[in-house]
């Protein structure tokens, strides 16, 4: 994943007829996916993806994972659906719903280098 100002902008997405906004922030060590139910910015989803290889996010067993673009609608929707299925109540005020192991989600969802 490359760093860019565009990734820091909020992006609108509709997941199962519910509107969300999301963004990716990156630093040298981590890419962080954040999503909020539209109009409910007090209980965000926050998923961390450590950068393991030369600044690129990589699933250790799947080096091809560096090609995943978390900012595309299909990946954003997948991460939001996963968090909702795990108990994230997007419209309920509260602390961020934090998932430290974003790559664990990819593995749980059956990620393989071929898609």
N, C-alpha and C. Protein backbone atom coordinates (compact mmCIF):
# COMPACT_ATOMS: atom_id res chain seq x y z
N UNK A 1 0.85 -1.17 0.00
CA UNK A 1 0.00 0.00 0.00
C UNK A 1 0.90 1.23 0.00
N UNK A 2 0.59 2.16 -0.85
CA UNK A 2 1.40 3.37 -0.91
C UNK A 2 0.76 4.47 -0.08
N UNK A 3 1.58 5.38 0.43
CA UNK A 3 1.08 6.51 1.19
C UNK A 3 0.60 7.57 0.22
N UNK A 4 -0.51 8.21 0.53
CA UNK A 4 -0.98 9.33 -0.28
C UNK A 4 -2.01 10.11 0.51
N UNK A 5 -2.14 11.37 0.16
CA UNK A 5 -3.13 12.21 0.84
C UNK A 5 -4.53 11.69 0.58
N UNK A 6 -4.77 11.10 -0.60
CA UNK A 6 -6.10 10.59 -0.93
C UNK A 6 -6.53 9.51 0.05
N UNK A 7 -5.61 8.73 0.54
CA UNK A 7 -5.98 7.66 1.46
C UNK A 7 -6.41 8.21 2.82
N UNK A 8 -6.03 9.43 3.13
CA UNK A 8 -6.41 10.01 4.41
C UNK A 8 -7.78 10.65 4.35
N UNK A 9 -8.32 10.85 3.15
CA UNK A 9 -9.65 11.44 2.99
C UNK A 9 -10.71 10.40 3.31
N UNK A 10 -11.83 10.86 3.83
CA UNK A 10 -12.94 9.94 4.11
C UNK A 10 -13.56 9.49 2.80
N UNK A 11 -13.86 8.23 2.72
CA UNK A 11 -14.51 7.66 1.54
C UNK A 11 -15.85 7.09 1.96
N UNK A 12 -16.89 7.40 1.21
CA UNK A 12 -18.22 6.88 1.50
C UNK A 12 -18.39 5.49 0.87
N UNK A 13 -19.08 4.62 1.62
CA UNK A 13 -19.37 3.28 1.13
C UNK A 13 -20.68 2.82 1.76
N UNK A 14 -21.46 2.06 1.02
CA UNK A 14 -22.70 1.49 1.54
C UNK A 14 -22.47 -0.02 1.65
N UNK A 15 -22.70 -0.53 2.85
CA UNK A 15 -22.52 -1.96 3.12
C UNK A 15 -23.85 -2.51 3.63
N UNK A 16 -24.42 -3.42 2.87
CA UNK A 16 -25.71 -4.01 3.25
C UNK A 16 -26.74 -2.93 3.57
N UNK A 17 -26.82 -1.95 2.71
CA UNK A 17 -27.79 -0.85 2.76
C UNK A 17 -27.55 0.12 3.92
N UNK A 18 -26.40 0.04 4.58
CA UNK A 18 -26.06 0.96 5.67
C UNK A 18 -24.87 1.80 5.23
N UNK A 19 -24.98 3.14 5.31
CA UNK A 19 -23.87 4.00 4.88
C UNK A 19 -22.76 4.08 5.92
N UNK A 20 -21.53 4.05 5.44
CA UNK A 20 -20.34 4.18 6.26
C UNK A 20 -19.40 5.17 5.59
N UNK A 21 -18.44 5.66 6.35
CA UNK A 21 -17.30 6.36 5.81
C UNK A 21 -16.06 5.65 6.34
N UNK A 22 -15.01 5.64 5.54
CA UNK A 22 -13.79 4.96 5.96
C UNK A 22 -12.58 5.72 5.45
N UNK A 23 -11.45 5.39 6.05
CA UNK A 23 -10.18 5.97 5.61
C UNK A 23 -9.05 5.05 6.02
N UNK A 24 -7.94 5.21 5.33
CA UNK A 24 -6.70 4.50 5.66
C UNK A 24 -5.69 5.55 6.08
N UNK A 25 -5.03 5.32 7.19
CA UNK A 25 -3.89 6.15 7.55
C UNK A 25 -2.67 5.23 7.62
N UNK A 26 -1.55 5.78 7.28
CA UNK A 26 -0.33 4.98 7.23
C UNK A 26 0.82 5.73 7.86
N UNK A 27 1.69 4.97 8.49
CA UNK A 27 2.98 5.50 8.89
C UNK A 27 4.01 4.44 8.54
N UNK A 28 5.20 4.63 8.96
CA UNK A 28 6.27 3.71 8.58
C UNK A 28 6.04 2.27 9.06
N UNK A 29 5.30 2.11 10.15
CA UNK A 29 5.15 0.80 10.78
C UNK A 29 3.77 0.18 10.67
N UNK A 30 2.76 0.97 10.30
CA UNK A 30 1.39 0.48 10.39
C UNK A 30 0.48 1.14 9.36
N UNK A 31 -0.41 0.34 8.78
CA UNK A 31 -1.54 0.86 8.02
C UNK A 31 -2.76 0.63 8.91
N UNK A 32 -3.59 1.65 9.06
CA UNK A 32 -4.77 1.53 9.92
C UNK A 32 -6.02 1.85 9.11
N UNK A 33 -6.94 0.90 9.08
CA UNK A 33 -8.23 1.08 8.44
C UNK A 33 -9.21 1.53 9.51
N UNK A 34 -9.91 2.64 9.26
CA UNK A 34 -10.93 3.13 10.20
C UNK A 34 -12.23 3.29 9.44
N UNK A 35 -13.32 2.89 10.07
CA UNK A 35 -14.65 3.04 9.47
C UNK A 35 -15.61 3.52 10.55
N UNK A 36 -16.59 4.30 10.11
CA UNK A 36 -17.61 4.85 10.98
C UNK A 36 -18.95 4.69 10.29
N UNK A 37 -20.00 4.42 11.05
CA UNK A 37 -21.34 4.51 10.47
C UNK A 37 -21.56 5.99 10.16
N UNK A 38 -22.12 6.28 9.01
CA UNK A 38 -22.33 7.68 8.62
C UNK A 38 -23.12 8.39 9.71
N UNK A 39 -22.60 9.54 10.15
CA UNK A 39 -23.25 10.31 11.19
C UNK A 39 -22.97 9.84 12.60
N UNK A 40 -22.16 8.79 12.77
CA UNK A 40 -21.85 8.22 14.09
C UNK A 40 -20.34 8.07 14.23
N UNK A 41 -19.65 9.15 14.45
CA UNK A 41 -18.19 9.13 14.48
C UNK A 41 -17.62 8.85 15.86
N UNK A 42 -18.45 8.44 16.80
CA UNK A 42 -17.97 8.24 18.17
C UNK A 42 -17.66 6.79 18.50
N UNK A 43 -17.84 5.90 17.58
CA UNK A 43 -17.57 4.48 17.85
C UNK A 43 -16.97 3.85 16.59
N UNK A 44 -15.76 4.26 16.24
CA UNK A 44 -15.19 3.76 14.99
C UNK A 44 -14.67 2.33 15.08
N UNK A 45 -14.62 1.72 13.94
CA UNK A 45 -13.89 0.47 13.77
C UNK A 45 -12.46 0.85 13.45
N UNK A 46 -11.51 0.18 14.06
CA UNK A 46 -10.10 0.45 13.80
C UNK A 46 -9.38 -0.88 13.66
N UNK A 47 -8.81 -1.14 12.49
CA UNK A 47 -8.11 -2.39 12.22
C UNK A 47 -6.69 -2.07 11.81
N UNK A 48 -5.72 -2.70 12.49
CA UNK A 48 -4.31 -2.44 12.23
C UNK A 48 -3.68 -3.53 11.38
N UNK A 49 -2.85 -3.07 10.44
CA UNK A 49 -2.08 -3.96 9.57
C UNK A 49 -0.62 -3.55 9.68
N UNK A 50 0.19 -4.28 10.48
CA UNK A 50 1.61 -3.92 10.60
C UNK A 50 2.32 -4.04 9.25
N UNK A 51 3.28 -3.18 9.05
CA UNK A 51 4.12 -3.25 7.85
C UNK A 51 5.31 -4.14 8.21
N UNK A 52 5.40 -5.27 7.56
CA UNK A 52 6.41 -6.27 7.93
C UNK A 52 7.60 -6.33 6.99
N UNK A 53 7.50 -5.76 5.80
CA UNK A 53 8.57 -5.92 4.82
C UNK A 53 8.79 -4.61 4.08
N UNK A 54 9.90 -3.96 4.34
CA UNK A 54 10.31 -2.77 3.60
C UNK A 54 9.18 -1.77 3.42
N UNK A 55 8.40 -1.56 4.47
CA UNK A 55 7.35 -0.56 4.41
C UNK A 55 6.06 -1.01 3.76
N UNK A 56 5.97 -2.25 3.31
CA UNK A 56 4.75 -2.73 2.67
C UNK A 56 4.06 -3.73 3.58
N UNK A 57 2.71 -3.69 3.67
CA UNK A 57 2.03 -4.67 4.49
C UNK A 57 2.09 -6.05 3.84
N UNK A 58 2.44 -7.04 4.61
CA UNK A 58 2.60 -8.39 4.07
C UNK A 58 2.11 -9.42 5.08
N UNK A 59 1.31 -10.38 4.62
CA UNK A 59 1.00 -11.55 5.43
C UNK A 59 2.20 -12.47 5.30
N UNK A 60 2.82 -12.83 6.41
CA UNK A 60 4.10 -13.53 6.36
C UNK A 60 4.09 -14.75 5.44
N UNK A 61 3.04 -15.55 5.46
CA UNK A 61 2.99 -16.74 4.62
C UNK A 61 2.56 -16.44 3.19
N UNK A 62 2.11 -15.21 2.93
CA UNK A 62 1.60 -14.84 1.62
C UNK A 62 2.19 -13.51 1.16
N UNK A 63 3.41 -13.50 0.65
CA UNK A 63 4.03 -12.24 0.25
C UNK A 63 3.20 -11.48 -0.79
N UNK A 64 2.36 -12.17 -1.54
CA UNK A 64 1.53 -11.50 -2.54
C UNK A 64 0.51 -10.57 -1.90
N UNK A 65 0.29 -10.69 -0.59
CA UNK A 65 -0.71 -9.86 0.08
C UNK A 65 -0.35 -8.38 0.04
N UNK A 66 0.88 -8.04 -0.28
CA UNK A 66 1.24 -6.63 -0.36
C UNK A 66 0.48 -5.94 -1.48
N UNK A 67 -0.16 -6.72 -2.34
CA UNK A 67 -0.94 -6.16 -3.43
C UNK A 67 -2.37 -5.84 -3.01
N UNK A 68 -2.78 -6.17 -1.80
CA UNK A 68 -4.13 -5.87 -1.33
C UNK A 68 -4.25 -4.36 -1.13
N UNK A 69 -5.31 -3.79 -1.67
CA UNK A 69 -5.56 -2.37 -1.49
C UNK A 69 -6.76 -2.24 -0.55
N UNK A 70 -6.50 -1.93 0.70
CA UNK A 70 -7.54 -1.85 1.72
C UNK A 70 -8.54 -0.73 1.44
N UNK A 71 -8.19 0.16 0.53
CA UNK A 71 -9.05 1.31 0.26
C UNK A 71 -10.07 1.05 -0.84
N UNK A 72 -10.02 -0.11 -1.47
CA UNK A 72 -11.02 -0.42 -2.49
C UNK A 72 -12.33 -0.81 -1.82
N UNK A 73 -13.46 -0.55 -2.49
CA UNK A 73 -14.76 -0.87 -1.87
C UNK A 73 -14.91 -2.33 -1.45
N UNK A 74 -14.41 -3.26 -2.23
CA UNK A 74 -14.60 -4.67 -1.88
C UNK A 74 -13.88 -5.02 -0.56
N UNK A 75 -12.66 -4.51 -0.36
CA UNK A 75 -11.95 -4.79 0.88
C UNK A 75 -12.55 -4.02 2.04
N UNK A 76 -12.92 -2.76 1.83
CA UNK A 76 -13.54 -1.97 2.90
C UNK A 76 -14.82 -2.65 3.37
N UNK A 77 -15.66 -3.06 2.42
CA UNK A 77 -16.92 -3.72 2.78
C UNK A 77 -16.66 -5.04 3.50
N UNK A 78 -15.66 -5.77 3.07
CA UNK A 78 -15.33 -7.05 3.71
C UNK A 78 -14.91 -6.84 5.16
N UNK A 79 -14.07 -5.84 5.40
CA UNK A 79 -13.62 -5.57 6.77
C UNK A 79 -14.77 -5.08 7.65
N UNK A 80 -15.63 -4.24 7.11
CA UNK A 80 -16.78 -3.74 7.87
C UNK A 80 -17.73 -4.89 8.20
N UNK A 81 -18.04 -5.73 7.22
CA UNK A 81 -18.93 -6.88 7.48
C UNK A 81 -18.34 -7.80 8.54
N UNK A 82 -17.05 -8.05 8.44
CA UNK A 82 -16.41 -8.92 9.43
C UNK A 82 -16.57 -8.33 10.83
N UNK A 83 -16.27 -7.04 10.99
CA UNK A 83 -16.37 -6.42 12.32
C UNK A 83 -17.80 -6.45 12.84
N UNK A 84 -18.76 -6.20 11.98
CA UNK A 84 -20.17 -6.26 12.40
C UNK A 84 -20.52 -7.67 12.87
N UNK A 85 -20.01 -8.68 12.17
CA UNK A 85 -20.30 -10.07 12.56
C UNK A 85 -19.63 -10.45 13.87
N UNK A 86 -18.59 -9.71 14.25
CA UNK A 86 -17.87 -9.98 15.50
C UNK A 86 -18.37 -9.15 16.67
N UNK A 87 -19.39 -8.31 16.44
CA UNK A 87 -19.98 -7.58 17.55
C UNK A 87 -19.83 -6.08 17.53
N UNK A 88 -19.20 -5.51 16.50
CA UNK A 88 -19.10 -4.05 16.42
C UNK A 88 -20.49 -3.47 16.21
N UNK A 89 -20.89 -2.59 17.10
CA UNK A 89 -22.17 -1.90 16.99
C UNK A 89 -21.87 -0.48 16.50
N UNK A 90 -21.88 -0.33 15.20
CA UNK A 90 -21.38 0.88 14.55
C UNK A 90 -22.15 2.14 14.94
N UNK A 91 -23.41 2.02 15.26
CA UNK A 91 -24.21 3.21 15.56
C UNK A 91 -24.33 3.50 17.05
N UNK A 92 -23.72 2.68 17.86
CA UNK A 92 -23.80 2.85 19.31
C UNK A 92 -22.56 3.63 19.79
N UNK A 93 -22.75 4.72 20.53
CA UNK A 93 -21.59 5.48 21.02
C UNK A 93 -20.72 4.62 21.92
N UNK A 94 -19.44 4.88 21.91
CA UNK A 94 -18.52 4.15 22.77
C UNK A 94 -17.10 4.26 22.28
N UNK A 95 -16.25 3.50 22.89
CA UNK A 95 -14.84 3.48 22.53
C UNK A 95 -14.66 2.84 21.16
N UNK A 96 -13.54 3.10 20.50
CA UNK A 96 -13.28 2.45 19.21
C UNK A 96 -13.31 0.92 19.35
N UNK A 97 -13.79 0.27 18.32
CA UNK A 97 -13.76 -1.18 18.25
C UNK A 97 -12.45 -1.53 17.55
N UNK A 98 -11.48 -1.99 18.31
CA UNK A 98 -10.12 -2.15 17.81
C UNK A 98 -9.82 -3.62 17.54
N UNK A 99 -9.29 -3.88 16.36
CA UNK A 99 -8.77 -5.19 16.00
C UNK A 99 -7.30 -4.98 15.65
N UNK A 100 -6.41 -5.53 16.46
CA UNK A 100 -4.98 -5.32 16.28
C UNK A 100 -4.39 -6.15 15.13
N UNK A 101 -4.99 -7.29 14.85
CA UNK A 101 -4.42 -8.22 13.87
C UNK A 101 -5.26 -8.25 12.60
N UNK A 102 -5.09 -7.24 11.77
CA UNK A 102 -5.83 -7.21 10.51
C UNK A 102 -5.54 -8.40 9.62
N UNK A 103 -4.30 -8.87 9.66
CA UNK A 103 -3.96 -10.03 8.83
C UNK A 103 -4.67 -11.28 9.31
N UNK A 104 -4.95 -11.36 10.61
CA UNK A 104 -5.73 -12.48 11.13
C UNK A 104 -7.12 -12.52 10.52
N UNK A 105 -7.69 -11.34 10.25
CA UNK A 105 -8.99 -11.28 9.58
C UNK A 105 -8.89 -11.87 8.19
N UNK A 106 -7.84 -11.48 7.46
CA UNK A 106 -7.67 -12.00 6.10
C UNK A 106 -7.56 -13.53 6.10
N UNK A 107 -6.81 -14.06 7.06
CA UNK A 107 -6.67 -15.51 7.17
C UNK A 107 -8.01 -16.14 7.54
N UNK A 108 -8.73 -15.54 8.50
CA UNK A 108 -10.04 -16.06 8.91
C UNK A 108 -11.03 -16.07 7.76
N UNK A 109 -10.88 -15.11 6.86
CA UNK A 109 -11.78 -15.03 5.70
C UNK A 109 -11.34 -15.89 4.53
N UNK A 110 -10.24 -16.64 4.74
CA UNK A 110 -9.78 -17.56 3.71
C UNK A 110 -8.93 -16.91 2.64
N UNK A 111 -8.25 -15.80 2.96
CA UNK A 111 -7.39 -15.16 1.99
C UNK A 111 -6.37 -16.14 1.46
N UNK A 112 -6.19 -16.14 0.16
CA UNK A 112 -5.10 -16.87 -0.46
C UNK A 112 -4.46 -15.94 -1.47
N UNK A 113 -3.23 -16.18 -1.85
CA UNK A 113 -2.58 -15.30 -2.80
C UNK A 113 -3.32 -15.15 -4.12
N UNK A 114 -4.16 -16.11 -4.45
CA UNK A 114 -4.90 -16.02 -5.71
C UNK A 114 -6.22 -15.30 -5.53
N UNK A 115 -6.52 -14.82 -4.33
CA UNK A 115 -7.74 -14.05 -4.13
C UNK A 115 -8.63 -14.69 -3.13
